[in-house]
Amino acid sequence: MNGQTIACSGGCQAIIDTGTSLLAGPSTGISSINSYIGASDGTISCSDMSSLPNIVFTINGIEFPVPASAYIIDESGSCTSGFESIDVGGLWILGDVFIRQYYVVFDRANNQVALANVA
């Protein structure tokens, strides 16, 4: 974020999962991200959304930014972080918070996932 590596400084494993609503990862990484955006307890002021940075995921050397409008969940004026802790052997799960920003193609024949900007 803003040129700083907040989590996964040594690289990490991630999956893209259409069945996960939020973006999940190890508690230490998620805590660092939530602290950085001012959502230490998981909540954040909705009025702060316009000043929050993009969270950038680098996958195979390509940057995939996720704007605050995607990672802050506004439910009737009560805003929460779209990042949740899940400790599954260091795995990150890129759910809908990430997916809705990109075209995602699951190529089962070649066992790969392709990502492209929505436009």
Protein backbone atom coordinates (compact mmCIF):
# COMPACT_ATOMS: atom_id res chain seq x y z
CA MET A 1 0.00 0.00 0.00
CA ASN A 2 1.42 3.35 -1.02
CA GLY A 3 4.58 1.53 -2.08
CA GLN A 4 4.94 -0.37 1.21
CA THR A 5 4.69 -4.10 1.66
CA ILE A 6 2.32 -4.61 4.58
CA ALA A 7 1.86 -8.38 4.38
CA CYS A 8 3.47 -11.30 2.55
CA SER A 9 6.87 -9.66 2.25
CA GLY A 10 8.49 -13.00 1.40
CA GLY A 11 5.72 -14.10 -0.95
CA CYS A 12 2.79 -16.33 -0.12
CA GLN A 13 0.26 -18.76 -1.53
CA ALA A 14 -3.23 -17.68 -2.58
CA ILE A 15 -6.29 -19.13 -4.22
CA ILE A 16 -9.09 -17.33 -6.02
CA ASP A 17 -12.41 -18.54 -4.66
CA THR A 18 -15.85 -17.52 -5.92
CA GLY A 19 -17.39 -19.05 -2.81
CA THR A 20 -15.66 -16.64 -0.42
CA SER A 21 -17.28 -13.24 -0.01
CA LEU A 22 -14.39 -11.40 1.61
CA LEU A 23 -10.64 -11.50 1.25
CA ALA A 24 -9.16 -13.85 3.83
CA GLY A 25 -5.64 -14.45 5.02
CA PRO A 26 -3.40 -15.21 7.98
CA SER A 27 -4.30 -13.21 11.07
CA THR A 28 -0.94 -11.41 11.22
CA GLY A 29 -1.22 -10.15 7.64
CA ILE A 30 -4.90 -9.23 7.94
CA SER A 31 -4.24 -7.41 11.23
CA SER A 32 -1.47 -5.40 9.55
CA ILE A 33 -3.73 -4.44 6.64
CA ASN A 34 -6.65 -3.55 8.89
CA SER A 35 -4.40 -1.45 11.15
CA TYR A 36 -2.98 0.36 8.14
CA ILE A 37 -6.43 1.33 6.87
CA GLY A 38 -7.68 2.27 10.35
CA ALA A 39 -9.93 -0.74 10.88
CA SER A 40 -8.06 -2.44 13.74
CA ASP A 41 -11.30 -3.77 15.21
CA GLY A 42 -12.75 -4.52 11.76
CA THR A 43 -14.88 -1.38 11.61
CA ILE A 44 -14.12 1.91 9.92
CA SER A 45 -15.84 5.24 9.44
CA CYS A 46 -17.68 5.26 6.11
CA SER A 47 -16.57 8.86 5.60
CA ASP A 48 -12.93 7.69 5.45
CA MET A 49 -13.49 5.58 2.33
CA SER A 50 -12.49 8.30 -0.15
CA SER A 51 -9.11 8.81 1.53
CA LEU A 52 -8.11 5.16 1.80
CA PRO A 53 -5.40 3.71 -0.45
CA ASN A 54 -5.70 0.93 -2.99
CA ILE A 55 -4.52 -2.40 -1.64
CA VAL A 56 -2.24 -3.86 -4.32
CA PHE A 57 -1.74 -7.58 -4.76
CA THR A 58 1.26 -8.59 -6.85
CA ILE A 59 0.72 -11.92 -8.58
CA ASN A 60 3.53 -13.29 -10.75
CA GLY A 61 5.00 -9.79 -10.97
CA ILE A 62 1.75 -8.14 -12.08
CA GLU A 63 0.03 -5.63 -9.80
CA PHE A 64 -3.69 -5.95 -9.13
CA PRO A 65 -5.01 -2.94 -7.19
CA VAL A 66 -8.18 -3.22 -5.14
CA PRO A 67 -9.80 0.16 -4.30
CA ALA A 68 -11.38 1.03 -0.96
CA SER A 69 -14.80 0.97 -2.61
CA ALA A 70 -14.27 -2.79 -3.04
CA TYR A 71 -12.68 -3.67 0.30
CA ILE A 72 -14.88 -1.53 2.56
CA ILE A 73 -18.34 -3.02 3.07
CA ASP A 74 -21.03 -0.38 3.63
CA GLU A 75 -24.18 -1.83 5.15
CA SER A 76 -26.67 0.97 5.80
CA GLY A 77 -24.01 3.46 6.87
CA SER A 78 -22.05 1.04 9.05
CA CYS A 79 -18.74 0.20 7.38
CA THR A 80 -16.50 -2.79 7.96
CA SER A 81 -13.30 -4.11 6.45
CA GLY A 82 -13.58 -6.69 3.69
CA PHE A 83 -10.47 -8.43 5.07
CA GLU A 84 -10.96 -11.35 7.45
CA SER A 85 -8.53 -13.54 9.35
CA ILE A 86 -8.36 -17.23 8.60
CA ASP A 87 -5.34 -19.26 9.58
CA VAL A 88 -5.03 -22.10 7.09
CA GLY A 89 -1.32 -22.75 6.78
CA GLY A 90 -0.51 -19.24 5.56
CA LEU A 91 -2.96 -19.43 2.66
CA TRP A 92 -4.69 -16.31 1.33
CA ILE A 93 -8.15 -16.58 -0.21
CA LEU A 94 -8.98 -13.93 -2.79
CA GLY A 95 -12.77 -13.87 -2.64
CA ASP A 96 -15.40 -11.55 -4.07
CA VAL A 97 -13.71 -8.41 -2.69
CA PHE A 98 -10.88 -9.13 -5.15
CA ILE A 99 -12.75 -10.99 -7.89
CA ARG A 100 -15.33 -8.31 -8.68
CA GLN A 101 -12.53 -5.96 -9.77
CA TYR A 102 -11.33 -8.27 -12.56
CA TYR A 103 -12.41 -10.63 -15.28
CA VAL A 104 -11.47 -14.05 -13.95
CA VAL A 105 -11.22 -17.12 -16.17
CA PHE A 106 -10.79 -20.52 -14.57
CA ASP A 107 -9.03 -22.65 -17.21
CA ARG A 108 -9.47 -26.15 -15.84
CA ALA A 109 -8.01 -27.80 -18.95
CA ASN A 110 -4.66 -26.09 -18.33
CA ASN A 111 -4.96 -25.85 -14.53
CA GLN A 112 -4.59 -22.07 -14.44
CA VAL A 113 -6.47 -18.87 -13.70
CA ALA A 114 -6.34 -15.79 -15.95
CA LEU A 115 -7.06 -12.25 -14.74
CA ALA A 116 -7.78 -9.10 -16.76
CA ASN A 117 -8.91 -5.58 -15.94
CA VAL A 118 -12.66 -4.99 -16.14
CA ALA A 119 -12.04 -1.75 -18.08
